[in-house]
C-alpha atoms as a PDB file:
ATOM      1  CA  MET A   1       4.096  -2.274  51.913  1.00  0.00           C
ATOM      2  CA  ALA A   2       2.273  -0.977  48.184  1.00  0.00           C
ATOM      3  CA  LEU A   3       4.085  -2.258  45.502  1.00  0.00           C
ATOM      4  CA  ASP A   4       5.128  -0.280  42.754  1.00  0.00           C
ATOM      5  CA  LEU A   5       5.157  -2.095  39.733  1.00  0.00           C
ATOM      6  CA  ASN A   6       7.824   0.534  37.783  1.00  0.00           C
ATOM      7  CA  ASP A   7      10.825  -1.146  36.882  1.00  0.00           C
ATOM      8  CA  LYS A   8       9.788  -4.502  37.831  1.00  0.00           C
ATOM      9  CA  THR A   9       9.749  -7.577  36.016  1.00  0.00           C
ATOM     10  CA  ILE A  10       6.485  -9.579  36.056  1.00  0.00           C
ATOM     11  CA  LEU A  11       5.663 -13.532  35.494  1.00  0.00           C
ATOM     12  CA  ILE A  12       2.319 -15.155  34.916  1.00  0.00           C
ATOM     13  CA  THR A  13       2.070 -18.462  34.247  1.00  0.00           C
ATOM     14  CA  GLY A  14      -0.923 -19.731  31.796  1.00  0.00           C
ATOM     15  CA  GLY A  15      -0.281 -16.342  30.305  1.00  0.00           C
ATOM     16  CA  THR A  16      -2.151 -17.082  27.183  1.00  0.00           C
ATOM     17  CA  GLY A  17      -5.839 -16.893  27.898  1.00  0.00           C
ATOM     18  CA  SER A  18      -8.253 -14.874  28.321  1.00  0.00           C
ATOM     19  CA  PHE A  19      -6.937 -13.010  31.965  1.00  0.00           C
ATOM     20  CA  GLY A  20      -3.683 -13.420  30.859  1.00  0.00           C
ATOM     21  CA  LYS A  21      -3.839 -11.197  27.876  1.00  0.00           C
ATOM     22  CA  LYS A  22      -5.915  -8.735  29.900  1.00  0.00           C
ATOM     23  CA  PHE A  23      -3.804  -7.909  32.278  1.00  0.00           C
ATOM     24  CA  ILE A  24      -0.756  -7.772  30.356  1.00  0.00           C
ATOM     25  CA  LYS A  25      -2.324  -5.162  28.548  1.00  0.00           C
ATOM     26  CA  GLN A  26      -2.875  -2.659  32.032  1.00  0.00           C
ATOM     27  CA  VAL A  27       0.291  -3.571  33.233  1.00  0.00           C
ATOM     28  CA  LEU A  28       1.913  -2.315  30.187  1.00  0.00           C
ATOM     29  CA  ASN A  29       0.443   1.303  30.255  1.00  0.00           C
ATOM     30  CA  GLN A  30       3.086   0.797  33.611  1.00  0.00           C
ATOM     31  CA  GLU A  31       6.597   1.703  33.664  1.00  0.00           C
ATOM     32  CA  VAL A  32       7.562  -2.158  33.635  1.00  0.00           C
ATOM     33  CA  LYS A  33      10.373  -3.350  33.224  1.00  0.00           C
ATOM     34  CA  LYS A  34       9.649  -6.688  31.607  1.00  0.00           C
ATOM     35  CA  VAL A  35       6.413  -9.588  30.926  1.00  0.00           C
ATOM     36  CA  ILE A  36       6.747 -12.536  30.959  1.00  0.00           C
ATOM     37  CA  ILE A  37       4.249 -15.139  29.096  1.00  0.00           C
ATOM     38  CA  PHE A  38       5.348 -18.806  30.903  1.00  0.00           C
ATOM     39  CA  SER A  39       2.791 -21.092  28.989  1.00  0.00           C
ATOM     40  CA  ARG A  40       2.798 -24.707  27.367  1.00  0.00           C
ATOM     41  CA  ASP A  41       1.612 -24.185  24.005  1.00  0.00           C
ATOM     42  CA  GLU A  42       3.243 -22.794  21.555  1.00  0.00           C
ATOM     43  CA  LEU A  43       0.330 -21.834  19.005  1.00  0.00           C
ATOM     44  CA  LYS A  44      -1.211 -19.865  21.347  1.00  0.00           C
ATOM     45  CA  GLN A  45       2.222 -17.390  22.401  1.00  0.00           C
ATOM     46  CA  TYR A  46       3.037 -17.543  18.488  1.00  0.00           C
ATOM     47  CA  GLU A  47      -0.594 -16.070  17.867  1.00  0.00           C
ATOM     48  CA  MET A  48      -0.511 -13.441  20.727  1.00  0.00           C
ATOM     49  CA  ALA A  49       2.926 -12.825  19.831  1.00  0.00           C
ATOM     50  CA  GLN A  50       1.295 -11.048  16.211  1.00  0.00           C
ATOM     51  CA  GLU A  51      -0.835  -9.216  18.451  1.00  0.00           C
ATOM     52  CA  PHE A  52       0.929  -7.646  21.076  1.00  0.00           C
ATOM     53  CA  THR A  53       4.448  -6.402  20.049  1.00  0.00           C
ATOM     54  CA  ASP A  54       5.477  -4.360  22.769  1.00  0.00           C
ATOM     55  CA  PRO A  55       9.506  -4.620  23.224  1.00  0.00           C
ATOM     56  CA  ARG A  56       8.929  -5.449  26.995  1.00  0.00           C
ATOM     57  CA  ILE A  57       6.803  -9.161  26.129  1.00  0.00           C
ATOM     58  CA  ARG A  58       9.380 -12.002  26.527  1.00  0.00           C
ATOM     59  CA  PHE A  59       7.756 -15.521  25.600  1.00  0.00           C
ATOM     60  CA  PHE A  60       8.810 -18.636  27.651  1.00  0.00           C
ATOM     61  CA  ILE A  61       7.423 -22.168  26.997  1.00  0.00           C
ATOM     62  CA  GLY A  62       6.797 -24.306  29.915  1.00  0.00           C
ATOM     63  CA  ASP A  63       4.973 -26.802  32.249  1.00  0.00           C
ATOM     64  CA  VAL A  64       4.664 -25.611  36.003  1.00  0.00           C
ATOM     65  CA  ARG A  65       4.916 -29.277  36.280  1.00  0.00           C
ATOM     66  CA  ASP A  66       8.594 -28.887  35.528  1.00  0.00           C
ATOM     67  CA  LYS A  67      10.287 -27.387  38.837  1.00  0.00           C
ATOM     68  CA  GLU A  68      13.713 -27.277  36.552  1.00  0.00           C
ATOM     69  CA  ARG A  69      12.067 -24.862  34.106  1.00  0.00           C
ATOM     70  CA  LEU A  70      10.411 -22.679  36.342  1.00  0.00           C
ATOM     71  CA  TYR A  71      13.962 -21.975  38.174  1.00  0.00           C
ATOM     72  CA  ARG A  72      15.197 -20.939  34.718  1.00  0.00           C
ATOM     73  CA  ALA A  73      11.636 -18.663  34.020  1.00  0.00           C
ATOM     74  CA  PHE A  74      12.110 -17.200  37.295  1.00  0.00           C
ATOM     75  CA  ASP A  75      15.668 -15.721  37.059  1.00  0.00           C
ATOM     76  CA  GLY A  76      15.319 -11.958  37.430  1.00  0.00           C
ATOM     77  CA  VAL A  77      11.892 -11.878  38.377  1.00  0.00           C
ATOM     78  CA  ASP A  78      10.412  -9.638  40.345  1.00  0.00           C
ATOM     79  CA  VAL A  79       6.763 -10.352  40.616  1.00  0.00           C
ATOM     80  CA  VAL A  80       4.404 -13.965  39.688  1.00  0.00           C
ATOM     81  CA  VAL A  81       0.993 -14.004  38.903  1.00  0.00           C
ATOM     82  CA  HIS A  82       0.124 -17.981  38.955  1.00  0.00           C
ATOM     83  CA  ALA A  83      -2.787 -18.698  36.023  1.00  0.00           C
ATOM     84  CA  ALA A  84      -1.867 -21.314  34.903  1.00  0.00           C
ATOM     85  CA  ALA A  85      -4.583 -24.313  36.123  1.00  0.00           C
ATOM     86  CA  LEU A  86      -7.026 -27.253  34.726  1.00  0.00           C
ATOM     87  CA  LYS A  87      -9.726 -25.701  35.019  1.00  0.00           C
ATOM     88  CA  HIS A  88     -12.477 -27.734  33.092  1.00  0.00           C
ATOM     89  CA  VAL A  89     -14.443 -29.412  35.744  1.00  0.00           C
ATOM     90  CA  GLY A  90     -15.713 -32.416  33.199  1.00  0.00           C
ATOM     91  CA  ALA A  91     -12.033 -32.888  32.669  1.00  0.00           C
ATOM     92  CA  CYS A  92     -10.619 -32.597  35.960  1.00  0.00           C
ATOM     93  CA  GLU A  93     -13.350 -35.137  37.130  1.00  0.00           C
ATOM     94  CA  TYR A  94     -12.382 -37.214  34.204  1.00  0.00           C
ATOM     95  CA  ASN A  95      -8.856 -36.883  34.016  1.00  0.00           C
ATOM     96  CA  PRO A  96      -8.312 -36.557  38.093  1.00  0.00           C
ATOM     97  CA  PHE A  97      -4.533 -37.207  38.607  1.00  0.00           C
ATOM     98  CA  GLU A  98      -3.733 -35.021  35.430  1.00  0.00           C
ATOM     99  CA  ALA A  99      -5.230 -32.166  37.377  1.00  0.00           C
ATOM    100  CA  VAL A 100      -3.616 -32.878  40.932  1.00  0.00           C
ATOM    101  CA  LYS A 101      -0.126 -32.820  38.788  1.00  0.00           C
ATOM    102  CA  THR A 102      -0.844 -29.274  37.801  1.00  0.00           C
ATOM    103  CA  ASN A 103      -2.824 -28.070  40.572  1.00  0.00           C
ATOM    104  CA  ILE A 104      -1.328 -29.117  42.979  1.00  0.00           C
ATOM    105  CA  TYR A 105       2.234 -30.302  42.667  1.00  0.00           C
ATOM    106  CA  GLY A 106       2.618 -27.254  40.294  1.00  0.00           C
ATOM    107  CA  ALA A 107       1.787 -25.029  42.733  1.00  0.00           C
ATOM    108  CA  GLN A 108       4.701 -26.609  45.151  1.00  0.00           C
ATOM    109  CA  ASN A 109       6.516 -25.812  42.313  1.00  0.00           C
ATOM    110  CA  ILE A 110       5.886 -22.294  41.733  1.00  0.00           C
ATOM    111  CA  ILE A 111       6.421 -21.965  45.423  1.00  0.00           C
ATOM    112  CA  GLU A 112       9.780 -23.159  45.713  1.00  0.00           C
ATOM    113  CA  ALA A 113      10.743 -22.013  42.599  1.00  0.00           C
ATOM    114  CA  ALA A 114       9.638 -18.318  43.798  1.00  0.00           C
ATOM    115  CA  ILE A 115      10.897 -18.832  47.287  1.00  0.00           C
ATOM    116  CA  ASP A 116      15.000 -19.582  45.898  1.00  0.00           C
ATOM    117  CA  ARG A 117      14.426 -17.053  42.990  1.00  0.00           C
ATOM    118  CA  GLY A 118      14.285 -14.620  45.780  1.00  0.00           C
ATOM    119  CA  VAL A 119      10.979 -13.073  43.703  1.00  0.00           C
ATOM    120  CA  GLN A 120       9.195 -10.787  45.867  1.00  0.00           C
ATOM    121  CA  ARG A 121       5.787 -11.016  45.021  1.00  0.00           C
ATOM    122  CA  VAL A 122       3.597 -14.237  44.026  1.00  0.00           C
ATOM    123  CA  ILE A 123      -0.105 -13.672  43.963  1.00  0.00           C
ATOM    124  CA  ALA A 124      -2.284 -16.842  42.935  1.00  0.00           C
ATOM    125  CA  LEU A 125      -5.581 -16.915  41.312  1.00  0.00           C
ATOM    126  CA  SER A 126      -8.334 -19.217  42.555  1.00  0.00           C
ATOM    127  CA  THR A 127     -11.993 -20.275  42.152  1.00  0.00           C
ATOM    128  CA  ASP A 128     -14.952 -20.157  44.049  1.00  0.00           C
ATOM    129  CA  LYS A 129     -15.130 -23.592  44.092  1.00  0.00           C
ATOM    130  CA  ALA A 130     -12.712 -24.322  46.038  1.00  0.00           C
ATOM    131  CA  ALA A 131     -15.048 -23.129  48.797  1.00  0.00           C
ATOM    132  CA  ALA A 132     -16.480 -26.231  50.567  1.00  0.00           C
ATOM    133  CA  PRO A 133     -15.417 -27.813  46.936  1.00  0.00           C
ATOM    134  CA  ILE A 134     -17.580 -30.861  45.604  1.00  0.00           C
ATOM    135  CA  ASN A 135     -15.704 -31.446  42.620  1.00  0.00           C
ATOM    136  CA  LEU A 136     -12.158 -32.494  41.644  1.00  0.00           C
ATOM    137  CA  TYR A 137     -11.104 -29.008  40.316  1.00  0.00           C
ATOM    138  CA  GLY A 138     -12.366 -26.793  43.510  1.00  0.00           C
ATOM    139  CA  ALA A 139     -10.476 -29.381  45.474  1.00  0.00           C
ATOM    140  CA  THR A 140      -7.203 -29.290  43.810  1.00  0.00           C
ATOM    141  CA  LYS A 141      -7.709 -25.091  44.149  1.00  0.00           C
ATOM    142  CA  LEU A 142      -8.608 -25.375  47.474  1.00  0.00           C
ATOM    143  CA  ALA A 143      -5.106 -27.633  48.301  1.00  0.00           C
ATOM    144  CA  SER A 144      -3.118 -25.135  45.892  1.00  0.00           C
ATOM    145  CA  ASP A 145      -4.760 -22.417  47.902  1.00  0.00           C
ATOM    146  CA  LYS A 146      -3.516 -23.974  51.210  1.00  0.00           C
ATOM    147  CA  LEU A 147       0.132 -24.103  50.004  1.00  0.00           C
ATOM    148  CA  PHE A 148      -0.208 -20.758  48.922  1.00  0.00           C
ATOM    149  CA  VAL A 149      -1.267 -19.515  52.402  1.00  0.00           C
ATOM    150  CA  ALA A 150       1.360 -21.265  54.143  1.00  0.00           C
ATOM    151  CA  ALA A 151       4.212 -20.743  51.843  1.00  0.00           C
ATOM    152  CA  ASN A 152       4.687 -17.959  53.962  1.00  0.00           C
ATOM    153  CA  SER A 153       5.680 -19.607  56.803  1.00  0.00           C
ATOM    154  CA  TYR A 154       7.705 -22.336  54.377  1.00  0.00           C
ATOM    155  CA  ALA A 155       9.726 -19.391  52.689  1.00  0.00           C
ATOM    156  CA  GLY A 156      11.647 -18.636  56.092  1.00  0.00           C
ATOM    157  CA  ASP A 157      13.417 -15.940  56.471  1.00  0.00           C
ATOM    158  CA  LYS A 158      13.606 -15.038  52.429  1.00  0.00           C
ATOM    159  CA  GLU A 159      11.336 -12.053  51.746  1.00  0.00           C
ATOM    160  CA  THR A 160       8.597 -13.720  49.370  1.00  0.00           C
ATOM    161  CA  LYS A 161       5.765 -13.313  50.000  1.00  0.00           C
ATOM    162  CA  PHE A 162       2.349 -14.974  49.050  1.00  0.00           C
ATOM    163  CA  SER A 163      -1.310 -14.530  48.609  1.00  0.00           C
ATOM    164  CA  VAL A 164      -4.547 -15.444  46.648  1.00  0.00           C
ATOM    165  CA  VAL A 165      -7.405 -13.938  44.245  1.00  0.00           C
ATOM    166  CA  ARG A 166     -10.559 -16.020  45.015  1.00  0.00           C
ATOM    167  CA  TYR A 167     -13.662 -14.966  42.286  1.00  0.00           C
ATOM    168  CA  GLY A 168     -16.644 -16.025  40.748  1.00  0.00           C
ATOM    169  CA  ASN A 169     -17.143 -16.853  36.936  1.00  0.00           C
ATOM    170  CA  VAL A 170     -15.805 -14.592  34.649  1.00  0.00           C
ATOM    171  CA  VAL A 171     -18.015 -12.754  31.455  1.00  0.00           C
ATOM    172  CA  GLY A 172     -17.210 -14.081  28.428  1.00  0.00           C
ATOM    173  CA  SER A 173     -14.170 -16.585  29.460  1.00  0.00           C
ATOM    174  CA  ARG A 174     -12.971 -19.511  27.092  1.00  0.00           C
ATOM    175  CA  GLY A 175     -15.172 -22.419  28.515  1.00  0.00           C
ATOM    176  CA  SER A 176     -17.350 -19.767  29.869  1.00  0.00           C
ATOM    177  CA  VAL A 177     -21.700 -20.265  29.142  1.00  0.00           C
ATOM    178  CA  VAL A 178     -21.869 -16.901  27.215  1.00  0.00           C
ATOM    179  CA  PRO A 179     -20.201 -18.071  24.376  1.00  0.00           C
ATOM    180  CA  PHE A 180     -21.447 -21.913  24.870  1.00  0.00           C
ATOM    181  CA  PHE A 181     -25.130 -20.433  24.522  1.00  0.00           C
ATOM    182  CA  ARG A 182     -24.629 -18.345  21.485  1.00  0.00           C
ATOM    183  CA  LYS A 183     -23.383 -20.697  19.496  1.00  0.00           C
ATOM    184  CA  LEU A 184     -26.301 -22.419  20.277  1.00  0.00           C
ATOM    185  CA  VAL A 185     -28.414 -19.435  19.668  1.00  0.00           C
ATOM    186  CA  HIS A 186     -29.991 -20.438  16.492  1.00  0.00           C
ATOM    187  CA  THR A 187     -31.185 -23.984  17.047  1.00  0.00           C
ATOM    188  CA  GLY A 188     -34.335 -22.147  19.337  1.00  0.00           C
ATOM    189  CA  LYS A 189     -32.849 -24.177  22.547  1.00  0.00           C
ATOM    190  CA  LEU A 190     -30.940 -23.369  25.268  1.00  0.00           C
ATOM    191  CA  PRO A 191     -30.118 -26.496  27.798  1.00  0.00           C
ATOM    192  CA  ILE A 192     -29.336 -24.930  31.831  1.00  0.00           C
ATOM    193  CA  THR A 193     -29.388 -27.856  34.329  1.00  0.00           C
ATOM    194  CA  ASP A 194     -31.394 -26.192  36.394  1.00  0.00           C
ATOM    195  CA  LYS A 195     -33.665 -23.579  36.869  1.00  0.00           C
ATOM    196  CA  ARG A 196     -33.495 -22.358  40.390  1.00  0.00           C
ATOM    197  CA  MET A 197     -29.004 -22.157  39.539  1.00  0.00           C
ATOM    198  CA  THR A 198     -27.323 -18.986  40.857  1.00  0.00           C
ATOM    199  CA  ARG A 199     -23.559 -17.663  39.940  1.00  0.00           C
ATOM    200  CA  PHE A 200     -21.353 -14.816  41.265  1.00  0.00           C
ATOM    201  CA  TRP A 201     -20.167 -12.988  38.055  1.00  0.00           C
ATOM    202  CA  ILE A 202     -17.199 -10.606  37.456  1.00  0.00           C
ATOM    203  CA  THR A 203     -16.331  -9.266  33.940  1.00  0.00           C
ATOM    204  CA  LEU A 204     -12.920  -9.404  32.743  1.00  0.00           C
ATOM    205  CA  ASP A 205     -11.585  -5.494  33.632  1.00  0.00           C
ATOM    206  CA  GLN A 206     -12.615  -6.391  37.042  1.00  0.00           C
ATOM    207  CA  GLY A 207     -10.536  -9.523  37.772  1.00  0.00           C
ATOM    208  CA  VAL A 208      -7.455  -7.775  36.862  1.00  0.00           C
ATOM    209  CA  GLN A 209      -7.656  -4.840  38.298  1.00  0.00           C
ATOM    210  CA  PHE A 210      -8.674  -6.983  41.392  1.00  0.00           C
ATOM    211  CA  VAL A 211      -5.267  -8.601  40.667  1.00  0.00           C
ATOM    212  CA  ILE A 212      -3.121  -5.737  40.859  1.00  0.00           C
ATOM    213  CA  ASP A 213      -5.184  -4.122  43.594  1.00  0.00           C
ATOM    214  CA  SER A 214      -4.460  -7.573  45.578  1.00  0.00           C
ATOM    215  CA  LEU A 215      -0.745  -7.475  44.689  1.00  0.00           C
ATOM    216  CA  GLU A 216      -0.174  -3.750  45.819  1.00  0.00           C
ATOM    217  CA  ARG A 217      -2.027  -4.482  49.494  1.00  0.00           C
ATOM    218  CA  MET A 218      -1.030  -7.593  50.130  1.00  0.00           C
ATOM    219  CA  ASN A 219       0.791  -8.587  53.497  1.00  0.00           C
ATOM    220  CA  GLY A 220       1.318 -12.160  52.783  1.00  0.00           C
ATOM    221  CA  GLY A 221      -1.301 -15.314  53.626  1.00  0.00           C
ATOM    222  CA  GLU A 222      -4.873 -13.347  52.706  1.00  0.00           C
ATOM    223  CA  ILE A 223      -7.065 -14.630  50.749  1.00  0.00           C
ATOM    224  CA  PHE A 224      -8.819 -12.048  48.976  1.00  0.00           C
ATOM    225  CA  VAL A 225     -12.595 -12.269  47.352  1.00  0.00           C
ATOM    226  CA  PRO A 226     -14.223  -8.849  46.037  1.00  0.00           C
ATOM    227  CA  LYS A 227     -17.874  -8.448  46.495  1.00  0.00           C
ATOM    228  CA  ILE A 228     -19.272  -9.107  43.082  1.00  0.00           C
ATOM    229  CA  PRO A 229     -23.462  -9.292  42.001  1.00  0.00           C
ATOM    230  CA  SER A 230     -24.873 -12.796  41.311  1.00  0.00           C
ATOM    231  CA  MET A 231     -27.040 -13.464  38.683  1.00  0.00           C
ATOM    232  CA  LYS A 232     -29.487 -16.351  37.854  1.00  0.00           C
ATOM    233  CA  VAL A 233     -28.344 -18.886  34.989  1.00  0.00           C
ATOM    234  CA  THR A 234     -32.182 -18.859  34.066  1.00  0.00           C
ATOM    235  CA  ASP A 235     -31.974 -14.643  33.667  1.00  0.00           C
ATOM    236  CA  LEU A 236     -28.750 -15.239  31.294  1.00  0.00           C
ATOM    237  CA  ALA A 237     -30.432 -17.365  28.932  1.00  0.00           C
ATOM    238  CA  MET A 238     -32.727 -14.876  28.552  1.00  0.00           C
ATOM    239  CA  ALA A 239     -30.988 -11.993  28.077  1.00  0.00           C
ATOM    240  CA  ILE A 240     -28.738 -13.986  25.370  1.00  0.00           C
ATOM    241  CA  ALA A 241     -31.931 -15.345  23.805  1.00  0.00           C
ATOM    242  CA  PRO A 242     -35.046 -14.219  24.562  1.00  0.00           C
ATOM    243  CA  GLU A 243     -36.931 -16.463  22.402  1.00  0.00           C
ATOM    244  CA  ALA A 244     -35.539 -19.581  22.783  1.00  0.00           C
ATOM    245  CA  LYS A 245     -36.779 -22.433  24.549  1.00  0.00           C
ATOM    246  CA  VAL A 246     -35.344 -23.765  27.993  1.00  0.00           C
ATOM    247  CA  ASP A 247     -34.316 -27.153  28.484  1.00  0.00           C
ATOM    248  CA  PHE A 248     -33.852 -28.517  31.534  1.00  0.00           C
ATOM    249  CA  VAL A 249     -31.506 -31.429  32.046  1.00  0.00           C
ATOM    250  CA  GLY A 250     -30.096 -31.407  34.694  1.00  0.00           C
ATOM    251  CA  ILE A 251     -27.062 -30.861  37.507  1.00  0.00           C
ATOM    252  CA  ARG A 252     -24.162 -32.561  35.928  1.00  0.00           C
ATOM    253  CA  PRO A 253     -21.258 -34.063  37.950  1.00  0.00           C
ATOM    254  CA  GLY A 254     -19.025 -32.107  40.238  1.00  0.00           C
ATOM    255  CA  GLU A 255     -22.243 -29.023  39.666  1.00  0.00           C
ATOM    256  CA  LYS A 256     -23.791 -26.817  42.680  1.00  0.00           C
ATOM    257  CA  LEU A 257     -26.789 -25.130  42.485  1.00  0.00           C
ATOM    258  CA  HIS A 258     -25.341 -22.397  43.947  1.00  0.00           C
ATOM    259  CA  GLU A 259     -21.512 -20.599  44.729  1.00  0.00           C
ATOM    260  CA  ALA A 260     -19.697 -20.048  47.730  1.00  0.00           C
ATOM    261  CA  MET A 261     -16.782 -17.592  48.052  1.00  0.00           C
ATOM    262  CA  ILE A 262     -17.101 -17.463  51.913  1.00  0.00           C
ATOM    263  CA  THR A 263     -18.251 -20.548  54.161  1.00  0.00           C
ATOM    264  CA  GLU A 264     -19.091 -19.783  57.938  1.00  0.00           C
ATOM    265  CA  ASP A 265     -16.155 -22.036  58.792  1.00  0.00           C
ATOM    266  CA  ASP A 266     -14.082 -18.989  56.919  1.00  0.00           C
ATOM    267  CA  ALA A 267     -15.827 -16.170  58.540  1.00  0.00           C
ATOM    268  CA  ARG A 268     -14.394 -16.578  61.864  1.00  0.00           C
ATOM    269  CA  HIS A 269     -11.308 -15.248  60.180  1.00  0.00           C
ATOM    270  CA  THR A 270     -12.335 -12.999  58.050  1.00  0.00           C
ATOM    271  CA  ILE A 271     -12.698  -9.249  57.723  1.00  0.00           C
ATOM    272  CA  GLU A 272     -14.548  -6.703  55.225  1.00  0.00           C
ATOM    273  CA  MET A 273     -13.544  -3.844  53.580  1.00  0.00           C
ATOM    274  CA  ASN A 274     -15.789  -1.624  51.645  1.00  0.00           C
ATOM    275  CA  ASP A 275     -15.324  -3.893  48.471  1.00  0.00           C
ATOM    276  CA  HIS A 276     -13.983  -7.096  48.767  1.00  0.00           C
ATOM    277  CA  PHE A 277     -13.400  -9.461  51.833  1.00  0.00           C
ATOM    278  CA  ILE A 278      -9.832 -10.742  52.898  1.00  0.00           C
ATOM    279  CA  ILE A 279      -9.646 -14.536  54.493  1.00  0.00           C
ATOM    280  CA  TYR A 280      -6.912 -14.225  57.289  1.00  0.00           C
ATOM    281  CA  PRO A 281      -4.545 -17.214  57.610  1.00  0.00           C
ATOM    282  CA  GLU A 282      -4.842 -19.322  60.978  1.00  0.00           C
ATOM    283  CA  PHE A 283      -1.006 -19.097  61.751  1.00  0.00           C
ATOM    284  CA  PRO A 284       0.080 -17.266  64.783  1.00  0.00           C
ATOM    285  CA  TRP A 285       2.447 -15.393  62.467  1.00  0.00           C
ATOM    286  CA  TRP A 286      -0.480 -13.516  61.227  1.00  0.00           C
ATOM    287  CA  THR A 287      -1.349 -11.679  64.314  1.00  0.00           C
ATOM    288  CA  ASP A 288       1.443  -8.305  63.369  1.00  0.00           C
ATOM    289  CA  GLN A 289      -0.043  -8.454  59.853  1.00  0.00           C
ATOM    290  CA  LEU A 290      -3.656  -7.250  60.577  1.00  0.00           C
ATOM    291  CA  HIS A 291      -5.602  -4.833  57.946  1.00  0.00           C
ATOM    292  CA  GLU A 292      -7.133  -2.745  60.851  1.00  0.00           C
ATOM    293  CA  GLU A 293      -9.202  -0.756  58.892  1.00  0.00           C
ATOM    294  CA  GLY A 294     -11.544  -3.899  58.609  1.00  0.00           C
ATOM    295  CA  LYS A 295     -14.345  -4.880  60.490  1.00  0.00           C
ATOM    296  CA  ARG A 296     -15.051  -8.735  61.663  1.00  0.00           C
ATOM    297  CA  LEU A 297     -17.407 -11.053  60.373  1.00  0.00           C
ATOM    298  CA  SER A 298     -20.222 -12.540  62.095  1.00  0.00           C
ATOM    299  CA  GLU A 299     -19.526 -16.249  62.654  1.00  0.00           C
ATOM    300  CA  ASP A 300     -22.619 -17.169  60.985  1.00  0.00           C
ATOM    301  CA  PHE A 301     -21.862 -15.375  57.776  1.00  0.00           C
ATOM    302  CA  LYS A 302     -21.317 -17.153  54.484  1.00  0.00           C
ATOM    303  CA  TYR A 303     -21.071 -15.411  50.873  1.00  0.00           C
ATOM    304  CA  THR A 304     -22.907 -17.492  48.508  1.00  0.00           C
ATOM    305  CA  SER A 305     -24.468 -16.990  44.956  1.00  0.00           C
ATOM    306  CA  ASP A 306     -28.019 -17.185  46.332  1.00  0.00           C
ATOM    307  CA  THR A 307     -27.521 -15.123  49.521  1.00  0.00           C
ATOM    308  CA  ASN A 308     -25.861 -12.359  48.023  1.00  0.00           C
ATOM    309  CA  THR A 309     -27.427  -9.056  48.001  1.00  0.00           C
ATOM    310  CA  GLU A 310     -26.412  -7.552  44.861  1.00  0.00           C
ATOM    311  CA  TRP A 311     -27.881  -9.252  42.142  1.00  0.00           C
ATOM    312  CA  LEU A 312     -27.728  -8.322  37.966  1.00  0.00           C
ATOM    313  CA  SER A 313     -31.402  -8.736  36.255  1.00  0.00           C
ATOM    314  CA  VAL A 314     -31.610  -9.597  33.154  1.00  0.00           C
ATOM    315  CA  GLU A 315     -30.706  -6.056  30.866  1.00  0.00           C
ATOM    316  CA  ASP A 316     -27.699  -5.920  33.358  1.00  0.00           C
ATOM    317  CA  LEU A 317     -26.421  -9.111  31.853  1.00  0.00           C
ATOM    318  CA  ARG A 318     -27.501  -7.763  28.017  1.00  0.00           C
ATOM    319  CA  GLU A 319     -25.213  -4.934  28.991  1.00  0.00           C
ATOM    320  CA  LEU A 320     -22.788  -6.756  29.844  1.00  0.00           C
ATOM    321  CA  ILE A 321     -22.983  -9.518  27.103  1.00  0.00           C
ATOM    322  CA  GLU A 322     -22.937  -6.426  24.221  1.00  0.00           C
ATOM    323  CA  GLU A 323     -19.975  -4.969  25.778  1.00  0.00           C
ATOM    324  CA  MET A 324     -17.964  -8.235  25.543  1.00  0.00           C
END
């Protein structure tokens, strides 16, 4: 069932981040009733309030670990976009239970508050690192994904629907490799972990639009995966600093050579659409809610950054970076 955002109240957790700011700009172009920014950093909220002066915006300080605060924040909310997470791979490895408390316990708090407060739809942002995870961040996001999919059963006869969006690295987002490389251009040397390394790549605009599209098309229980290009990290270095020397420093703890968004095990219950994939939940209640226009994948299919059919060239990457 399509979602009309007109006269709806939307709340985004972690809303002061790169995604949140772009998402808010886009939804404010529609006749939404209210947009609530839920996050724990008062300084970022203050700075964001100077940038966004639309009277429909509200700021709500809180932490997804605090269920009572979520209950208060979700009062009267129609749609929740869950973007809050501890996502720095190294920090999660060093502070594992902090990642568990935010990414897993926080997810369950979102679910319970949404059901009890009568939120209509919840969509959670995930990551390619949740597919066949090898680091703690990916493992916590996999657990979070499982919680949100199963929440459609947990909701019982309530009308709240939950789905997940999973995509790869966002060009130029905070903490990503592009701003990191840019800071080092003046040194004439860029560190790369391994010359074979590949990654999925998506722009912030594309990521936001995919989330909005997924909100509109969701039935509850899907994991939506966009079809996006791959790139070689060595090509990215060439696009940013063609004269710089590349220093291969070795793979860091918890890092993969290539990223996956659909594993072979996922493929058994995944369908392919024109511009995205949908991973179905493995629950019996899902059988009457199939997206019939999609086609089934072969059981040996996998969607990984090194086997992708679409690639960004050095010139493509340079153009993307210049547009940031």
